[in-house]
Amino acid sequence: MRLKACFGITILLTGLLFIQKWKADSANSQINFTVKGPFGTVHGKFTGLKADLKFDPKDPGNSSISASIDAKTVSTGIALRNRDLRKKEEWLDTDKYPLITFYSKKIEKKGNEYTATGDLTLKGQTRSVEIRFTFTGKGSSGVFKGKFTINRQDFHIGKEGGSVGSTITINLNIPVKK
């Protein structure tokens, strides 16, 4: 949108002024992961999501996502495994690395879904990742659903090789409100 200001100067207003801000429903958000373990697939989850979501499905190029989760909330349903994941340097060492963060650099629409490209920081290591997601919105509420994979060795999680798979799959289901 262009506005004429005094003395004939034209002011260009960008879409940033109209980007919709969404508030994540942290209590009902699901951040789940799977990884091949020595005795089958290990399923786990994180809670404690905090997010700043500026998203307009009609203008993804001017949208942005920044999010963090409390690494200490990792839960696999097995207390001993949870303790090891939290306390051991080899795994998440959550006392030293308490947050897992993501900051988008670019959001694009591809077909019926979106791709957020950005920096994921986990255990002190930052890597570029692409999160493919969908957004379903109605009125003042909506849901982001996404999925991506990471190589655990890129983030110094666990020992190289061994009985734990190298690929971790993360699934996201984030309900939001305006």
N, C-alpha and C. Protein backbone atom coordinates (compact mmCIF):
# COMPACT_ATOMS: atom_id res chain seq x y z
N MET A 1 0.85 -1.16 0.00
CA MET A 1 0.00 0.00 0.00
C MET A 1 0.90 1.24 0.00
N ARG A 2 0.57 2.22 -0.81
CA ARG A 2 1.34 3.46 -0.88
C ARG A 2 0.49 4.60 -0.34
N LEU A 3 1.11 5.47 0.43
CA LEU A 3 0.45 6.67 0.94
C LEU A 3 1.25 7.89 0.52
N LYS A 4 0.55 8.93 0.13
CA LYS A 4 1.22 10.19 -0.20
C LYS A 4 1.39 11.00 1.07
N ALA A 5 2.60 11.39 1.35
CA ALA A 5 2.88 12.22 2.52
C ALA A 5 3.10 13.65 2.05
N CYS A 6 3.41 14.52 2.97
CA CYS A 6 3.66 15.93 2.64
C CYS A 6 4.78 16.06 1.62
N PHE A 7 4.76 17.10 0.86
CA PHE A 7 5.77 17.47 -0.12
C PHE A 7 5.95 16.42 -1.22
N GLY A 8 4.90 15.62 -1.49
CA GLY A 8 4.96 14.67 -2.59
C GLY A 8 5.76 13.41 -2.32
N ILE A 9 6.20 13.17 -1.08
CA ILE A 9 6.98 11.96 -0.78
C ILE A 9 6.01 10.78 -0.65
N THR A 10 6.32 9.70 -1.32
CA THR A 10 5.48 8.51 -1.26
C THR A 10 6.03 7.56 -0.21
N ILE A 11 5.16 7.08 0.64
CA ILE A 11 5.55 6.14 1.69
C ILE A 11 5.00 4.78 1.31
N LEU A 12 5.85 3.76 1.31
CA LEU A 12 5.44 2.41 1.00
C LEU A 12 5.27 1.64 2.31
N LEU A 13 4.05 1.14 2.55
CA LEU A 13 3.79 0.33 3.73
C LEU A 13 3.90 -1.13 3.34
N THR A 14 4.71 -1.88 4.06
CA THR A 14 4.88 -3.30 3.73
C THR A 14 3.84 -4.13 4.44
N GLY A 15 3.75 -5.37 4.04
CA GLY A 15 2.83 -6.32 4.65
C GLY A 15 3.13 -6.59 6.11
N LEU A 16 4.29 -6.20 6.60
CA LEU A 16 4.64 -6.45 8.00
C LEU A 16 3.63 -5.84 8.97
N LEU A 17 3.01 -4.75 8.57
CA LEU A 17 2.05 -4.11 9.45
C LEU A 17 0.79 -4.95 9.63
N PHE A 18 0.55 -5.87 8.71
CA PHE A 18 -0.69 -6.61 8.72
C PHE A 18 -0.53 -8.09 9.07
N ILE A 19 0.68 -8.50 9.41
CA ILE A 19 0.94 -9.90 9.76
C ILE A 19 0.18 -10.25 11.04
N GLN A 20 -0.45 -11.38 11.01
CA GLN A 20 -1.24 -11.83 12.16
C GLN A 20 -0.34 -12.45 13.22
N LYS A 21 -0.56 -12.07 14.47
CA LYS A 21 0.19 -12.64 15.58
C LYS A 21 -0.66 -13.73 16.21
N TRP A 22 -0.05 -14.88 16.43
CA TRP A 22 -0.73 -16.02 17.02
C TRP A 22 -0.07 -16.38 18.33
N LYS A 23 -0.89 -16.81 19.29
CA LYS A 23 -0.36 -17.25 20.59
C LYS A 23 -0.51 -18.76 20.67
N ALA A 24 0.61 -19.45 20.90
CA ALA A 24 0.58 -20.91 21.00
C ALA A 24 -0.12 -21.34 22.29
N ASP A 25 -0.93 -22.35 22.18
CA ASP A 25 -1.56 -22.97 23.34
C ASP A 25 -0.56 -24.01 23.87
N SER A 26 0.34 -23.57 24.73
CA SER A 26 1.44 -24.42 25.20
C SER A 26 0.94 -25.68 25.89
N ALA A 27 -0.13 -25.57 26.65
CA ALA A 27 -0.64 -26.73 27.40
C ALA A 27 -1.12 -27.85 26.47
N ASN A 28 -1.59 -27.49 25.29
CA ASN A 28 -2.10 -28.50 24.36
C ASN A 28 -1.20 -28.74 23.16
N SER A 29 -0.04 -28.08 23.13
CA SER A 29 0.91 -28.29 22.04
C SER A 29 1.60 -29.64 22.20
N GLN A 30 1.87 -30.26 21.08
CA GLN A 30 2.56 -31.55 21.09
C GLN A 30 3.84 -31.44 20.29
N ILE A 31 4.97 -31.72 20.96
CA ILE A 31 6.27 -31.76 20.32
C ILE A 31 6.79 -33.17 20.60
N ASN A 32 6.60 -34.05 19.63
CA ASN A 32 6.94 -35.46 19.80
C ASN A 32 8.12 -35.82 18.92
N PHE A 33 8.89 -36.84 19.36
CA PHE A 33 10.01 -37.30 18.56
C PHE A 33 10.08 -38.82 18.57
N THR A 34 10.70 -39.36 17.54
CA THR A 34 10.98 -40.79 17.46
C THR A 34 12.40 -40.99 16.97
N VAL A 35 13.02 -42.05 17.46
CA VAL A 35 14.36 -42.43 17.03
C VAL A 35 14.48 -43.93 17.22
N LYS A 36 15.20 -44.58 16.32
CA LYS A 36 15.42 -46.01 16.44
C LYS A 36 16.29 -46.26 17.67
N GLY A 37 15.83 -47.17 18.52
CA GLY A 37 16.58 -47.53 19.71
C GLY A 37 17.08 -48.96 19.61
N PRO A 38 17.80 -49.43 20.62
CA PRO A 38 18.35 -50.80 20.57
C PRO A 38 17.28 -51.89 20.60
N PHE A 39 16.08 -51.57 21.11
CA PHE A 39 15.02 -52.57 21.22
C PHE A 39 13.74 -52.12 20.52
N GLY A 40 13.86 -51.30 19.50
CA GLY A 40 12.70 -50.79 18.77
C GLY A 40 12.73 -49.27 18.73
N THR A 41 11.63 -48.71 18.28
CA THR A 41 11.54 -47.25 18.16
C THR A 41 11.26 -46.63 19.53
N VAL A 42 12.03 -45.59 19.85
CA VAL A 42 11.84 -44.83 21.08
C VAL A 42 10.95 -43.64 20.74
N HIS A 43 9.89 -43.47 21.52
CA HIS A 43 8.98 -42.34 21.37
C HIS A 43 9.18 -41.42 22.55
N GLY A 44 9.17 -40.11 22.30
CA GLY A 44 9.30 -39.16 23.38
C GLY A 44 8.60 -37.86 23.06
N LYS A 45 8.63 -36.96 24.04
CA LYS A 45 7.98 -35.67 23.84
C LYS A 45 8.67 -34.61 24.68
N PHE A 46 8.40 -33.37 24.33
CA PHE A 46 8.82 -32.20 25.09
C PHE A 46 7.58 -31.37 25.38
N THR A 47 7.63 -30.62 26.48
CA THR A 47 6.59 -29.64 26.79
C THR A 47 7.30 -28.31 27.08
N GLY A 48 6.54 -27.33 27.51
CA GLY A 48 7.15 -26.03 27.85
C GLY A 48 7.42 -25.15 26.64
N LEU A 49 6.59 -25.25 25.62
CA LEU A 49 6.77 -24.44 24.41
C LEU A 49 6.49 -22.97 24.70
N LYS A 50 7.38 -22.13 24.21
CA LYS A 50 7.16 -20.69 24.17
C LYS A 50 7.42 -20.27 22.73
N ALA A 51 6.49 -19.50 22.16
CA ALA A 51 6.64 -19.17 20.74
C ALA A 51 6.13 -17.78 20.44
N ASP A 52 6.78 -17.14 19.47
CA ASP A 52 6.35 -15.87 18.90
C ASP A 52 6.04 -16.17 17.44
N LEU A 53 4.76 -16.22 17.11
CA LEU A 53 4.32 -16.62 15.78
C LEU A 53 3.67 -15.44 15.07
N LYS A 54 4.32 -14.97 14.05
CA LYS A 54 3.77 -13.93 13.20
C LYS A 54 3.57 -14.59 11.85
N PHE A 55 2.32 -14.90 11.55
CA PHE A 55 2.07 -15.71 10.36
C PHE A 55 0.79 -15.28 9.66
N ASP A 56 0.93 -15.08 8.36
CA ASP A 56 -0.21 -14.81 7.49
C ASP A 56 -0.14 -15.81 6.35
N PRO A 57 -1.10 -16.74 6.27
CA PRO A 57 -1.05 -17.74 5.21
C PRO A 57 -1.02 -17.15 3.81
N LYS A 58 -1.52 -15.93 3.65
CA LYS A 58 -1.53 -15.28 2.34
C LYS A 58 -0.22 -14.53 2.07
N ASP A 59 0.61 -14.36 3.10
CA ASP A 59 1.86 -13.62 2.95
C ASP A 59 2.97 -14.30 3.77
N PRO A 60 3.31 -15.56 3.43
CA PRO A 60 4.31 -16.27 4.23
C PRO A 60 5.70 -15.64 4.18
N GLY A 61 6.00 -14.91 3.12
CA GLY A 61 7.31 -14.29 3.00
C GLY A 61 7.59 -13.23 4.05
N ASN A 62 6.54 -12.63 4.61
CA ASN A 62 6.71 -11.63 5.66
C ASN A 62 6.38 -12.21 7.04
N SER A 63 6.25 -13.53 7.12
CA SER A 63 5.94 -14.19 8.38
C SER A 63 7.22 -14.62 9.08
N SER A 64 7.11 -14.89 10.38
CA SER A 64 8.28 -15.37 11.12
C SER A 64 7.84 -16.23 12.31
N ILE A 65 8.72 -17.13 12.69
CA ILE A 65 8.48 -18.01 13.82
C ILE A 65 9.73 -18.04 14.67
N SER A 66 9.56 -17.83 15.96
CA SER A 66 10.64 -18.09 16.90
C SER A 66 10.03 -18.87 18.05
N ALA A 67 10.73 -19.92 18.46
CA ALA A 67 10.17 -20.81 19.47
C ALA A 67 11.28 -21.41 20.32
N SER A 68 10.92 -21.74 21.55
CA SER A 68 11.85 -22.46 22.42
C SER A 68 11.08 -23.46 23.26
N ILE A 69 11.77 -24.52 23.64
CA ILE A 69 11.21 -25.49 24.56
C ILE A 69 12.23 -25.77 25.65
N ASP A 70 11.72 -26.11 26.79
CA ASP A 70 12.54 -26.43 27.95
C ASP A 70 13.05 -27.86 27.77
N ALA A 71 14.36 -28.02 27.56
CA ALA A 71 14.94 -29.34 27.30
C ALA A 71 14.72 -30.30 28.48
N LYS A 72 14.59 -29.77 29.68
CA LYS A 72 14.39 -30.63 30.86
C LYS A 72 13.04 -31.33 30.86
N THR A 73 12.14 -30.94 29.98
CA THR A 73 10.82 -31.56 29.93
C THR A 73 10.81 -32.83 29.09
N VAL A 74 11.96 -33.25 28.56
CA VAL A 74 12.01 -34.45 27.73
C VAL A 74 11.44 -35.63 28.51
N SER A 75 10.57 -36.39 27.85
CA SER A 75 9.95 -37.53 28.49
C SER A 75 9.76 -38.65 27.48
N THR A 76 10.22 -39.85 27.86
CA THR A 76 10.07 -41.02 27.00
C THR A 76 9.20 -42.09 27.65
N GLY A 77 8.71 -41.83 28.85
CA GLY A 77 7.90 -42.81 29.55
C GLY A 77 8.72 -43.77 30.39
N ILE A 78 10.04 -43.63 30.37
CA ILE A 78 10.92 -44.49 31.17
C ILE A 78 11.81 -43.58 32.00
N ALA A 79 11.62 -43.61 33.31
CA ALA A 79 12.30 -42.68 34.23
C ALA A 79 13.82 -42.74 34.11
N LEU A 80 14.42 -43.92 34.04
CA LEU A 80 15.88 -44.04 33.96
C LEU A 80 16.39 -43.42 32.65
N ARG A 81 15.69 -43.68 31.54
CA ARG A 81 16.10 -43.08 30.26
C ARG A 81 15.96 -41.57 30.31
N ASN A 82 14.87 -41.06 30.90
CA ASN A 82 14.68 -39.62 31.01
C ASN A 82 15.82 -38.98 31.80
N ARG A 83 16.20 -39.61 32.92
CA ARG A 83 17.29 -39.09 33.74
C ARG A 83 18.58 -39.04 32.93
N ASP A 84 18.89 -40.12 32.22
CA ASP A 84 20.11 -40.14 31.41
C ASP A 84 20.08 -39.06 30.33
N LEU A 85 18.94 -38.91 29.65
CA LEU A 85 18.82 -37.88 28.62
C LEU A 85 19.06 -36.49 29.19
N ARG A 86 18.56 -36.22 30.39
CA ARG A 86 18.70 -34.90 31.02
C ARG A 86 20.09 -34.67 31.60
N LYS A 87 20.67 -35.66 32.22
CA LYS A 87 21.88 -35.45 33.03
C LYS A 87 23.19 -35.75 32.32
N LYS A 88 23.21 -36.69 31.41
CA LYS A 88 24.49 -37.10 30.81
C LYS A 88 24.94 -36.16 29.70
N GLU A 89 26.22 -35.80 29.73
CA GLU A 89 26.82 -34.95 28.71
C GLU A 89 26.64 -35.56 27.32
N GLU A 90 26.69 -36.85 27.24
CA GLU A 90 26.57 -37.56 25.98
C GLU A 90 25.21 -37.33 25.31
N TRP A 91 24.18 -37.07 26.12
CA TRP A 91 22.85 -36.90 25.58
C TRP A 91 22.47 -35.43 25.57
N LEU A 92 21.51 -34.98 26.33
CA LEU A 92 21.06 -33.58 26.25
C LEU A 92 21.73 -32.65 27.25
N ASP A 93 22.23 -33.17 28.38
CA ASP A 93 22.88 -32.36 29.41
C ASP A 93 22.10 -31.06 29.64
N THR A 94 20.87 -31.20 30.10
CA THR A 94 19.95 -30.07 30.18
C THR A 94 20.33 -29.02 31.21
N ASP A 95 21.19 -29.35 32.18
CA ASP A 95 21.67 -28.32 33.10
C ASP A 95 22.56 -27.33 32.35
N LYS A 96 23.36 -27.84 31.45
CA LYS A 96 24.26 -26.99 30.66
C LYS A 96 23.55 -26.36 29.46
N TYR A 97 22.59 -27.09 28.87
CA TYR A 97 21.88 -26.63 27.67
C TYR A 97 20.37 -26.68 27.93
N PRO A 98 19.83 -25.71 28.66
CA PRO A 98 18.43 -25.79 29.10
C PRO A 98 17.37 -25.53 28.03
N LEU A 99 17.73 -24.88 26.93
CA LEU A 99 16.73 -24.54 25.91
C LEU A 99 17.07 -25.13 24.55
N ILE A 100 16.02 -25.47 23.84
CA ILE A 100 16.11 -25.83 22.43
C ILE A 100 15.35 -24.73 21.70
N THR A 101 15.99 -24.09 20.72
CA THR A 101 15.36 -22.93 20.07
C THR A 101 15.33 -23.09 18.55
N PHE A 102 14.35 -22.41 17.96
CA PHE A 102 14.25 -22.33 16.51
C PHE A 102 13.88 -20.90 16.14
N TYR A 103 14.60 -20.34 15.16
CA TYR A 103 14.31 -19.01 14.63
C TYR A 103 14.24 -19.11 13.11
N SER A 104 13.09 -18.79 12.54
CA SER A 104 12.95 -18.87 11.09
C SER A 104 13.72 -17.74 10.42
N LYS A 105 14.23 -18.04 9.24
CA LYS A 105 14.87 -17.04 8.40
C LYS A 105 14.04 -16.76 7.16
N LYS A 106 13.22 -17.79 6.79
CA LYS A 106 12.41 -17.67 5.57
C LYS A 106 11.25 -18.64 5.69
N ILE A 107 10.07 -18.19 5.26
CA ILE A 107 8.90 -19.07 5.19
C ILE A 107 8.32 -18.95 3.78
N GLU A 108 8.13 -20.11 3.15
CA GLU A 108 7.62 -20.15 1.79
C GLU A 108 6.45 -21.11 1.71
N LYS A 109 5.57 -20.85 0.76
CA LYS A 109 4.48 -21.78 0.49
C LYS A 109 4.88 -22.63 -0.71
N LYS A 110 4.70 -23.94 -0.54
CA LYS A 110 4.98 -24.89 -1.63
C LYS A 110 3.79 -25.82 -1.72
N GLY A 111 2.97 -25.63 -2.73
CA GLY A 111 1.77 -26.45 -2.87
C GLY A 111 0.80 -26.16 -1.75
N ASN A 112 0.38 -27.20 -1.05
CA ASN A 112 -0.58 -27.04 0.06
C ASN A 112 0.09 -26.90 1.41
N GLU A 113 1.41 -26.80 1.43
CA GLU A 113 2.09 -26.67 2.72
C GLU A 113 3.13 -25.56 2.66
N TYR A 114 3.70 -25.30 3.81
CA TYR A 114 4.69 -24.25 3.96
C TYR A 114 6.00 -24.89 4.39
N THR A 115 7.09 -24.17 4.16
CA THR A 115 8.40 -24.59 4.64
C THR A 115 9.02 -23.41 5.37
N ALA A 116 9.36 -23.64 6.64
CA ALA A 116 10.08 -22.65 7.43
C ALA A 116 11.54 -23.09 7.48
N THR A 117 12.40 -22.28 6.90
CA THR A 117 13.84 -22.54 6.95
C THR A 117 14.42 -21.63 8.03
N GLY A 118 15.20 -22.23 8.92
CA GLY A 118 15.76 -21.42 10.00
C GLY A 118 16.81 -22.16 10.79
N ASP A 119 17.20 -21.56 11.90
CA ASP A 119 18.26 -22.10 12.75
C ASP A 119 17.68 -22.81 13.95
N LEU A 120 18.05 -24.08 14.10
CA LEU A 120 17.70 -24.88 15.26
C LEU A 120 18.95 -24.97 16.13
N THR A 121 18.82 -24.58 17.40
CA THR A 121 19.93 -24.70 18.34
C THR A 121 19.55 -25.74 19.38
N LEU A 122 20.39 -26.75 19.47
CA LEU A 122 20.17 -27.88 20.36
C LEU A 122 21.53 -28.29 20.91
N LYS A 123 21.63 -28.34 22.21
CA LYS A 123 22.86 -28.74 22.89
C LYS A 123 24.05 -27.90 22.43
N GLY A 124 23.82 -26.61 22.28
CA GLY A 124 24.90 -25.67 21.94
C GLY A 124 25.30 -25.67 20.49
N GLN A 125 24.66 -26.48 19.67
CA GLN A 125 24.97 -26.56 18.24
C GLN A 125 23.83 -25.94 17.45
N THR A 126 24.16 -25.09 16.47
CA THR A 126 23.14 -24.47 15.63
C THR A 126 23.30 -24.98 14.21
N ARG A 127 22.19 -25.46 13.66
CA ARG A 127 22.17 -25.97 12.30
C ARG A 127 20.92 -25.44 11.60
N SER A 128 21.04 -25.29 10.29
CA SER A 128 19.89 -24.88 9.48
C SER A 128 19.00 -26.10 9.27
N VAL A 129 17.70 -25.92 9.47
CA VAL A 129 16.72 -26.99 9.24
C VAL A 129 15.56 -26.43 8.45
N GLU A 130 14.85 -27.33 7.80
CA GLU A 130 13.61 -26.98 7.11
C GLU A 130 12.48 -27.73 7.78
N ILE A 131 11.49 -26.98 8.24
CA ILE A 131 10.32 -27.57 8.86
C ILE A 131 9.16 -27.42 7.88
N ARG A 132 8.67 -28.54 7.39
CA ARG A 132 7.49 -28.52 6.52
C ARG A 132 6.27 -28.56 7.41
N PHE A 133 5.30 -27.67 7.12
CA PHE A 133 4.11 -27.61 7.97
C PHE A 133 2.88 -27.19 7.18
N THR A 134 1.74 -27.46 7.81
CA THR A 134 0.47 -26.97 7.29
C THR A 134 -0.11 -26.05 8.36
N PHE A 135 -1.00 -25.20 7.91
CA PHE A 135 -1.71 -24.33 8.85
C PHE A 135 -3.18 -24.38 8.49
N THR A 136 -4.00 -24.69 9.47
CA THR A 136 -5.45 -24.68 9.31
C THR A 136 -6.00 -23.65 10.27
N GLY A 137 -6.61 -22.62 9.76
CA GLY A 137 -7.15 -21.57 10.60
C GLY A 137 -8.61 -21.31 10.34
N LYS A 138 -9.30 -20.97 11.41
CA LYS A 138 -10.71 -20.59 11.28
C LYS A 138 -10.97 -19.53 12.33
N GLY A 139 -11.29 -18.34 11.87
CA GLY A 139 -11.56 -17.25 12.80
C GLY A 139 -10.33 -16.90 13.61
N SER A 140 -10.47 -16.94 14.92
CA SER A 140 -9.36 -16.53 15.78
C SER A 140 -8.56 -17.71 16.32
N SER A 141 -8.71 -18.90 15.72
CA SER A 141 -7.92 -20.04 16.16
C SER A 141 -7.38 -20.80 14.95
N GLY A 142 -6.39 -21.63 15.22
CA GLY A 142 -5.79 -22.41 14.15
C GLY A 142 -4.87 -23.48 14.71
N VAL A 143 -4.30 -24.25 13.81
CA VAL A 143 -3.37 -25.31 14.19
C VAL A 143 -2.23 -25.37 13.17
N PHE A 144 -1.02 -25.36 13.68
CA PHE A 144 0.17 -25.63 12.88
C PHE A 144 0.51 -27.10 13.09
N LYS A 145 0.73 -27.84 11.99
CA LYS A 145 1.18 -29.23 12.07
C LYS A 145 2.41 -29.35 11.19
N GLY A 146 3.49 -29.86 11.78
CA GLY A 146 4.73 -29.94 11.02
C GLY A 146 5.53 -31.18 11.34
N LYS A 147 6.55 -31.39 10.52
CA LYS A 147 7.42 -32.55 10.69
C LYS A 147 8.78 -32.22 10.09
N PHE A 148 9.84 -32.67 10.77
CA PHE A 148 11.17 -32.54 10.22
C PHE A 148 12.09 -33.58 10.85
N THR A 149 13.25 -33.78 10.26
CA THR A 149 14.21 -34.72 10.81
C THR A 149 15.54 -34.00 11.03
N ILE A 150 16.29 -34.54 11.99
CA ILE A 150 17.64 -34.06 12.23
C ILE A 150 18.55 -35.27 12.39
N ASN A 151 19.82 -35.05 12.13
CA ASN A 151 20.83 -36.06 12.40
C ASN A 151 21.37 -35.79 13.79
N ARG A 152 21.23 -36.73 14.71
CA ARG A 152 21.61 -36.47 16.10
C ARG A 152 23.09 -36.16 16.25
N GLN A 153 23.95 -36.71 15.37
CA GLN A 153 25.38 -36.41 15.47
C GLN A 153 25.69 -34.95 15.13
N ASP A 154 24.85 -34.31 14.31
CA ASP A 154 25.04 -32.89 14.00
C ASP A 154 24.93 -32.04 15.27
N PHE A 155 24.22 -32.55 16.28
CA PHE A 155 24.00 -31.81 17.52
C PHE A 155 24.74 -32.45 18.70
N HIS A 156 25.67 -33.36 18.39
CA HIS A 156 26.50 -34.03 19.41
C HIS A 156 25.65 -34.75 20.45
N ILE A 157 24.60 -35.42 19.97
CA ILE A 157 23.72 -36.18 20.85
C ILE A 157 24.08 -37.65 20.72
N GLY A 158 24.51 -38.26 21.82
CA GLY A 158 24.90 -39.66 21.82
C GLY A 158 26.25 -39.86 21.15
N LYS A 159 26.68 -41.10 21.16
CA LYS A 159 27.95 -41.46 20.53
C LYS A 159 27.71 -41.81 19.08
N GLU A 160 28.72 -41.58 18.26
CA GLU A 160 28.60 -41.92 16.86
C GLU A 160 28.47 -43.43 16.73
N GLY A 161 27.60 -43.85 15.81
CA GLY A 161 27.36 -45.29 15.65
C GLY A 161 26.52 -45.80 16.81
N GLY A 162 26.79 -47.00 17.25
CA GLY A 162 26.07 -47.56 18.38
C GLY A 162 24.69 -48.06 17.98
N SER A 163 23.88 -48.33 18.99
CA SER A 163 22.58 -48.95 18.75
C SER A 163 21.44 -47.95 18.58
N VAL A 164 21.72 -46.66 18.73
CA VAL A 164 20.69 -45.63 18.56
C VAL A 164 20.78 -45.10 17.14
N GLY A 165 19.65 -45.00 16.48
CA GLY A 165 19.62 -44.51 15.11
C GLY A 165 20.13 -43.08 15.00
N SER A 166 20.61 -42.72 13.82
CA SER A 166 21.17 -41.38 13.65
C SER A 166 20.11 -40.33 13.31
N THR A 167 18.93 -40.75 12.84
CA THR A 167 17.89 -39.80 12.45
C THR A 167 16.82 -39.70 13.53
N ILE A 168 16.55 -38.46 13.94
CA ILE A 168 15.48 -38.18 14.89
C ILE A 168 14.37 -37.46 14.11
N THR A 169 13.16 -37.98 14.20
CA THR A 169 12.01 -37.36 13.53
C THR A 169 11.20 -36.60 14.56
N ILE A 170 10.91 -35.35 14.29
CA ILE A 170 10.15 -34.49 15.20
C ILE A 170 8.81 -34.16 14.54
N ASN A 171 7.73 -34.39 15.27
CA ASN A 171 6.37 -34.05 14.81
C ASN A 171 5.81 -32.96 15.71
N LEU A 172 5.20 -31.96 15.09
CA LEU A 172 4.66 -30.81 15.80
C LEU A 172 3.16 -30.70 15.57
N ASN A 173 2.43 -30.40 16.61
CA ASN A 173 1.00 -30.10 16.53
C ASN A 173 0.76 -28.95 17.50
N ILE A 174 0.66 -27.74 16.97
CA ILE A 174 0.63 -26.53 17.79
C ILE A 174 -0.69 -25.77 17.58
N PRO A 175 -1.64 -25.91 18.52
CA PRO A 175 -2.85 -25.09 18.41
C PRO A 175 -2.54 -23.65 18.79
N VAL A 176 -3.18 -22.69 18.11
CA VAL A 176 -2.92 -21.28 18.33
C VAL A 176 -4.21 -20.48 18.37
N LYS A 177 -4.11 -19.30 18.98
CA LYS A 177 -5.23 -18.33 19.00
C LYS A 177 -4.66 -16.94 18.75
N LYS A 178 -5.52 -16.07 18.21
CA LYS A 178 -5.11 -14.67 18.01
C LYS A 178 -5.21 -13.93 19.31
